[in-house]
Amino acid sequence: MQDVGAAWLMTSLAPPPIMVALVETATTMPMFLLALPAGALADIVDRRRLLIVTQGWMLVAAAGLGILTFLGITTPWVLLTFTFLLGLGAAMNAPAWQAIVPELVPIQELPAAIALNSVGFNMSRAIGPALGGFVVAAAGPYATFLLNAVTFLGVSLTITVEGYERTASILTEGLGFRYVSEAGNRFRYEVGPGGSGTLIDVLCLPDGTMGKIAVGTVHHVAWRAANDDEQKVLRQEIVKLGLNVTPVLDRNYFRSIYFREPGGVLFEIATDPPGFGVDESPEKLGTKLQLPSWLEPSRAKIEQILPPLRLPKVRD
């Protein structure tokens, strides 16, 4: 609809073919210039926030063009400028829009979701121009711009309200947690008998940013499994919920699996056995530096840079 309204308006403002052609140039030039940078940015930043920004950008641009056209003060260059701004938003939006689909649906439904996304895109290209023509004939080009703005508002609202629900479903359906209470945007869950070490709070912050690995952030959250069989069952449940889970990794003192919950937090499920007694007796625990086999060749270097420890002695 936007393309039809813009092209129709340009024929009214500046009939020369070159000006009408510039409308399409202003629409597609940003995609040509920004396709690679936009794809790289979608891999670096929080895609949800990027989508909110780009959708908001296009909302403002479409609404501004609609209002100016309704007031009758749109000139050919104003039209080209706003069309170029909309193209910028679309170019920055497209990679994140495509990449976020796997984060929104279970993995077993991903092929259908990608196909549905493509169907929706192609249907809009087929139906949009026809609908835009009816709107232009009934109300004028400004109406197509304002309707376009409304569609961006709807997407922004849908993205903004998405919060804790999928994370909560992983906790309750996959890991055996149960809902305890909530206060504002904080939701508490517990597992097992409850009490210390069994609680998790999910904080819903739609405008929050992803944490970076640095001081003040936690690398991952570790949960315990009583044994290998319990860990295997939990892994199967998590896979059923559509998440990618690592194979079982041998950590010498325990065995671990890792996965990211829908909010992006890295979870680990580690077994209790075999425990710290696997390579030294209980009486000697903590008296010698223990290293994994792959670090043994560097033992001398590691011991050289570590500060000395003095073990306290208990007086009789």
Protein backbone atom coordinates (compact mmCIF):
# COMPACT_ATOMS: atom_id res chain seq x y z
CA MET A 1 0.00 0.00 0.00
CA GLN A 2 2.82 2.40 0.86
CA ASP A 3 4.46 1.97 -2.56
CA VAL A 4 1.17 2.51 -4.42
CA GLY A 5 0.32 5.60 -2.39
CA ALA A 6 3.80 7.09 -2.83
CA ALA A 7 3.92 6.45 -6.59
CA TRP A 8 0.40 7.84 -7.07
CA LEU A 9 1.21 10.94 -5.02
CA MET A 10 4.40 11.60 -6.97
CA THR A 11 2.53 11.51 -10.28
CA SER A 12 0.33 14.28 -8.85
CA LEU A 13 3.22 16.34 -7.45
CA ALA A 14 5.84 15.89 -10.20
CA PRO A 15 4.67 14.02 -13.33
CA PRO A 16 8.13 13.61 -15.03
CA PRO A 17 9.01 9.89 -15.21
CA ILE A 18 12.37 10.46 -13.49
CA MET A 19 10.66 11.67 -10.31
CA VAL A 20 8.30 8.68 -10.25
CA ALA A 21 11.27 6.36 -10.76
CA LEU A 22 13.10 8.02 -7.86
CA VAL A 23 10.33 6.83 -5.51
CA GLU A 24 11.30 3.23 -6.16
CA THR A 25 14.98 4.16 -5.93
CA ALA A 26 14.42 5.75 -2.51
CA THR A 27 12.65 2.58 -1.38
CA THR A 28 15.26 0.06 -2.51
CA MET A 29 18.54 2.00 -2.19
CA PRO A 30 18.76 1.53 1.62
CA MET A 31 18.49 -2.26 1.21
CA PHE A 32 21.36 -2.17 -1.29
CA LEU A 33 23.52 -0.04 1.01
CA LEU A 34 22.69 -1.59 4.38
CA ALA A 35 22.01 -5.30 3.76
CA LEU A 36 25.39 -6.47 5.08
CA PRO A 37 25.70 -4.01 8.01
CA ALA A 38 22.11 -4.74 9.05
CA GLY A 39 22.76 -8.48 9.06
CA ALA A 40 25.89 -8.04 11.17
CA LEU A 41 24.04 -5.77 13.61
CA ALA A 42 21.25 -8.34 14.00
CA ASP A 43 23.87 -10.87 15.15
CA ILE A 44 25.44 -8.47 17.66
CA VAL A 45 22.60 -6.69 19.45
CA ASP A 46 19.37 -7.88 21.07
CA ARG A 47 17.13 -8.60 18.07
CA ARG A 48 13.95 -7.86 20.01
CA ARG A 49 15.17 -4.36 20.86
CA LEU A 50 16.39 -3.84 17.30
CA LEU A 51 12.95 -4.76 15.96
CA ILE A 52 11.26 -2.38 18.39
CA VAL A 53 13.56 0.45 17.28
CA THR A 54 13.14 -0.21 13.55
CA GLN A 55 9.38 -0.67 13.80
CA GLY A 56 9.14 2.55 15.83
CA TRP A 57 11.29 4.34 13.24
CA MET A 58 8.99 3.25 10.40
CA LEU A 59 5.92 4.09 12.47
CA VAL A 60 7.11 7.69 12.91
CA ALA A 61 8.15 8.01 9.25
CA ALA A 62 4.88 6.65 7.86
CA ALA A 63 2.74 8.66 10.27
CA GLY A 64 4.72 11.84 9.54
CA LEU A 65 4.31 11.40 5.80
CA GLY A 66 0.59 10.68 6.24
CA ILE A 67 0.02 13.80 8.32
CA LEU A 68 2.00 16.06 5.98
CA THR A 69 0.12 14.67 2.98
CA PHE A 70 -3.24 15.12 4.72
CA LEU A 71 -2.32 18.77 5.42
CA GLY A 72 -1.35 19.23 1.78
CA ILE A 73 2.25 20.33 2.43
CA THR A 74 4.10 17.33 0.99
CA THR A 75 6.50 18.24 -1.82
CA PRO A 76 8.28 15.82 -4.18
CA TRP A 77 11.50 15.99 -2.15
CA VAL A 78 9.66 15.59 1.14
CA LEU A 79 8.01 12.49 -0.28
CA LEU A 80 11.37 11.11 -1.43
CA THR A 81 12.95 11.86 1.95
CA PHE A 82 10.27 10.06 3.94
CA THR A 83 10.28 7.17 1.46
CA PHE A 84 14.04 6.86 1.95
CA LEU A 85 13.59 6.92 5.75
CA LEU A 86 11.05 4.11 5.50
CA GLY A 87 13.50 2.17 3.31
CA LEU A 88 16.19 2.62 5.96
CA GLY A 89 13.89 1.16 8.59
CA ALA A 90 12.94 -1.77 6.36
CA ALA A 91 16.60 -2.53 5.56
CA MET A 92 17.61 -2.58 9.22
CA ASN A 93 14.49 -4.55 10.18
CA ALA A 94 14.65 -7.37 7.63
CA PRO A 95 17.61 -9.46 8.92
CA ALA A 96 16.45 -9.34 12.54
CA TRP A 97 12.89 -10.21 11.48
CA GLN A 98 14.08 -13.32 9.65
CA ALA A 99 16.56 -14.37 12.34
CA ILE A 100 14.16 -14.06 15.26
CA VAL A 101 11.73 -16.67 13.93
CA PRO A 102 13.68 -19.64 15.44
CA GLU A 103 13.49 -17.91 18.84
CA LEU A 104 9.70 -17.63 18.72
CA VAL A 105 8.64 -21.17 17.88
CA PRO A 106 9.68 -24.69 18.97
CA ILE A 107 12.32 -26.24 16.74
CA GLN A 108 9.93 -28.92 15.45
CA GLU A 109 7.63 -26.17 14.15
CA LEU A 110 10.41 -24.09 12.59
CA PRO A 111 9.97 -25.28 8.94
CA ALA A 112 6.26 -24.47 9.08
CA ALA A 113 6.94 -21.10 10.70
CA ILE A 114 9.49 -20.15 8.01
CA ALA A 115 7.07 -21.23 5.28
CA LEU A 116 4.23 -19.26 6.87
CA ASN A 117 6.45 -16.19 7.15
CA SER A 118 7.27 -16.45 3.43
CA VAL A 119 3.61 -16.95 2.55
CA GLY A 120 2.65 -13.86 4.51
CA PHE A 121 5.36 -11.80 2.80
CA ASN A 122 4.34 -12.91 -0.70
CA MET A 123 0.64 -12.44 0.03
CA SER A 124 1.30 -8.89 1.15
CA ARG A 125 3.12 -8.22 -2.12
CA ALA A 126 0.17 -9.63 -4.08
CA ILE A 127 -2.73 -8.16 -2.10
CA GLY A 128 -1.11 -4.94 -0.86
CA PRO A 129 -1.00 -3.05 -4.18
CA ALA A 130 -4.62 -3.91 -4.98
CA LEU A 131 -5.77 -2.85 -1.53
CA GLY A 132 -3.63 0.27 -1.79
CA GLY A 133 -5.35 1.20 -5.03
CA PHE A 134 -8.78 0.96 -3.38
CA VAL A 135 -7.63 3.07 -0.45
CA VAL A 136 -6.12 5.76 -2.71
CA ALA A 137 -9.31 5.88 -4.78
CA ALA A 138 -11.53 6.05 -1.70
CA ALA A 139 -9.59 8.43 0.56
CA GLY A 140 -6.36 9.55 -1.08
CA PRO A 141 -2.66 8.68 -0.73
CA TYR A 142 -2.44 9.98 2.86
CA ALA A 143 -4.71 7.12 4.01
CA THR A 144 -2.29 4.47 2.76
CA PHE A 145 0.54 6.11 4.71
CA LEU A 146 -1.49 6.27 7.92
CA LEU A 147 -2.65 2.66 7.53
CA ASN A 148 0.97 1.64 7.04
CA ALA A 149 1.85 3.43 10.29
CA VAL A 150 -0.87 1.53 12.15
CA THR A 151 0.62 -1.81 11.06
CA PHE A 152 3.98 -0.86 12.60
CA LEU A 153 2.25 0.11 15.83
CA GLY A 154 0.63 -3.33 16.07
CA VAL A 155 3.93 -5.16 15.57
CA SER A 156 5.71 -2.96 18.12
CA LEU A 157 3.07 -3.62 20.74
CA THR A 158 3.20 -7.37 20.14
CA ILE A 159 6.96 -7.47 20.50
CA THR A 160 7.05 -5.25 23.57
CA VAL A 161 4.62 -7.29 25.67
CA GLU A 162 6.42 -10.58 25.05
CA GLY A 163 8.18 -11.33 28.31
CA TYR A 164 8.44 -14.15 30.76
CA GLU A 165 5.82 -16.65 29.54
CA ARG A 166 8.05 -18.94 27.45
CA THR A 167 10.77 -18.94 30.10
CA ALA A 168 8.14 -19.84 32.69
CA SER A 169 6.90 -22.72 30.53
CA ILE A 170 10.45 -24.12 30.29
CA LEU A 171 10.77 -23.99 34.07
CA THR A 172 7.41 -25.62 34.80
CA GLU A 173 7.04 -28.05 31.88
CA GLY A 174 10.69 -29.00 31.35
CA LEU A 175 12.47 -28.64 34.68
CA GLY A 176 9.71 -29.44 37.17
CA PHE A 177 9.42 -26.01 38.79
CA ARG A 178 6.13 -24.74 40.24
CA TYR A 179 4.78 -21.21 40.44
CA VAL A 180 5.01 -19.66 43.92
CA SER A 181 4.16 -15.96 43.79
CA GLU A 182 4.54 -12.72 41.91
CA ALA A 183 5.09 -9.07 42.74
CA GLY A 184 4.83 -6.54 39.94
CA ASN A 185 7.01 -7.83 37.11
CA ARG A 186 8.81 -10.42 39.28
CA PHE A 187 7.62 -14.04 39.14
CA ARG A 188 8.95 -16.67 41.59
CA TYR A 189 9.22 -20.41 41.00
CA GLU A 190 10.61 -23.25 43.12
CA VAL A 191 11.56 -26.88 42.64
CA GLY A 192 11.81 -29.92 44.89
CA PRO A 193 11.17 -29.37 48.58
CA GLY A 194 11.58 -25.60 48.26
CA GLY A 195 13.76 -23.38 50.39
CA SER A 196 17.33 -22.20 49.85
CA GLY A 197 18.86 -23.17 46.52
CA THR A 198 15.53 -24.16 44.94
CA LEU A 199 14.08 -20.74 44.04
CA ILE A 200 14.32 -18.73 40.85
CA ASP A 201 12.88 -15.29 40.17
CA VAL A 202 11.99 -14.37 36.58
CA LEU A 203 12.06 -10.61 36.08
CA CYS A 204 10.05 -9.39 33.10
CA LEU A 205 11.84 -6.36 31.58
CA PRO A 206 10.65 -5.78 27.99
CA ASP A 207 13.00 -2.80 27.65
CA GLY A 208 15.99 -4.49 29.29
CA THR A 209 19.26 -5.23 27.54
CA MET A 210 21.15 -8.49 27.20
CA GLY A 211 23.94 -8.88 29.74
CA LYS A 212 27.54 -8.95 28.54
CA ILE A 213 30.16 -11.27 30.00
CA ALA A 214 31.87 -8.90 32.45
CA VAL A 215 31.88 -7.86 36.08
CA GLY A 216 28.33 -7.84 37.44
CA THR A 217 26.88 -10.58 35.24
CA VAL A 218 26.51 -14.31 35.74
CA HIS A 219 27.87 -16.61 33.04
CA HIS A 220 25.26 -19.33 33.56
CA VAL A 221 22.82 -20.81 36.04
CA ALA A 222 23.58 -24.37 37.20
CA TRP A 223 20.94 -26.86 38.35
CA ARG A 224 21.68 -30.24 39.87
CA ALA A 225 20.47 -33.68 38.84
CA ALA A 226 20.69 -36.58 41.28
CA ASN A 227 22.23 -38.93 38.71
CA ASP A 228 22.73 -39.63 35.01
CA ASP A 229 19.24 -41.09 34.57
CA GLU A 230 17.55 -37.98 35.96
CA GLN A 231 19.69 -35.78 33.76
CA LYS A 232 18.75 -37.88 30.71
CA VAL A 233 15.03 -37.49 31.45
CA LEU A 234 15.39 -33.73 31.88
CA ARG A 235 17.29 -33.48 28.62
CA GLN A 236 14.53 -35.31 26.75
CA GLU A 237 11.89 -32.99 28.21
CA ILE A 238 13.85 -29.89 27.21
CA VAL A 239 14.31 -31.19 23.66
CA LYS A 240 10.55 -31.83 23.44
CA LEU A 241 10.00 -28.15 24.25
CA GLY A 242 11.99 -27.17 21.16
CA LEU A 243 15.27 -26.07 22.70
CA ASN A 244 18.75 -27.01 21.52
CA VAL A 245 20.62 -28.94 24.22
CA THR A 246 24.28 -29.95 24.17
CA PRO A 247 25.32 -33.59 24.42
CA VAL A 248 26.38 -34.79 27.87
CA LEU A 249 29.80 -33.31 28.62
CA ASP A 250 32.20 -35.00 31.03
CA ARG A 251 33.52 -32.48 33.58
CA ASN A 252 35.51 -35.08 35.54
CA TYR A 253 33.71 -34.36 38.84
CA PHE A 254 30.25 -34.25 37.23
CA ARG A 255 28.52 -34.50 33.86
CA SER A 256 26.74 -31.51 32.35
CA ILE A 257 24.31 -30.45 29.64
CA TYR A 258 23.75 -26.85 28.56
CA PHE A 259 20.96 -24.94 26.84
CA ARG A 260 19.62 -21.41 26.55
CA GLU A 261 16.13 -20.68 27.78
CA PRO A 262 13.94 -18.42 25.57
CA GLY A 263 15.19 -15.26 27.30
CA GLY A 264 18.78 -16.11 26.37
CA VAL A 265 20.07 -17.17 29.81
CA LEU A 266 22.47 -20.12 29.70
CA PHE A 267 21.31 -23.03 31.90
CA GLU A 268 23.43 -25.98 33.01
CA ILE A 269 22.15 -29.24 34.50
CA ALA A 270 24.96 -31.09 36.30
CA THR A 271 24.93 -34.49 37.98
CA ASP A 272 25.91 -34.99 41.62
CA PRO A 273 28.18 -37.99 40.89
CA PRO A 274 30.96 -38.86 40.64
CA GLY A 275 31.96 -35.99 42.97
CA PHE A 276 35.25 -34.55 44.20
CA GLY A 277 36.41 -37.88 45.60
CA VAL A 278 37.08 -39.21 42.12
CA ASP A 279 40.76 -38.22 42.14
CA GLU A 280 41.69 -37.73 45.81
CA SER A 281 40.63 -39.03 49.20
CA PRO A 282 38.26 -37.04 51.41
CA GLU A 283 41.09 -36.46 53.90
CA LYS A 284 43.20 -34.73 51.23
CA LEU A 285 40.48 -32.63 49.60
CA GLY A 286 41.67 -29.11 48.92
CA THR A 287 45.33 -29.74 49.72
CA LYS A 288 46.53 -30.06 46.13
CA LEU A 289 45.76 -28.18 42.92
CA GLN A 290 43.62 -30.43 40.74
CA LEU A 291 43.56 -29.74 37.00
CA PRO A 292 41.65 -31.30 34.11
CA SER A 293 43.76 -33.52 31.88
CA TRP A 294 43.93 -30.96 29.10
CA LEU A 295 45.57 -28.43 31.45
CA GLU A 296 48.10 -30.81 33.01
CA PRO A 297 50.82 -29.89 30.48
CA SER A 298 50.56 -26.29 31.76
CA ARG A 299 50.65 -27.19 35.47
CA ALA A 300 54.06 -25.59 36.14
CA LYS A 301 53.06 -22.31 34.54
CA ILE A 302 49.71 -22.22 36.37
CA GLU A 303 51.25 -23.00 39.76
CA GLN A 304 53.86 -20.30 39.20
CA ILE A 305 51.29 -17.50 38.85
CA LEU A 306 48.94 -18.64 41.64
CA PRO A 307 49.37 -17.06 45.08
CA PRO A 308 50.40 -19.45 47.86
CA LEU A 309 47.70 -20.73 50.19
CA ARG A 310 48.25 -21.47 53.83
CA LEU A 311 45.83 -23.98 55.31
CA PRO A 312 44.68 -23.24 58.84
CA LYS A 313 45.50 -25.88 61.46
CA VAL A 314 43.12 -26.90 64.20
CA ARG A 315 44.67 -26.83 67.63
CA ASP A 316 44.08 -29.77 69.92
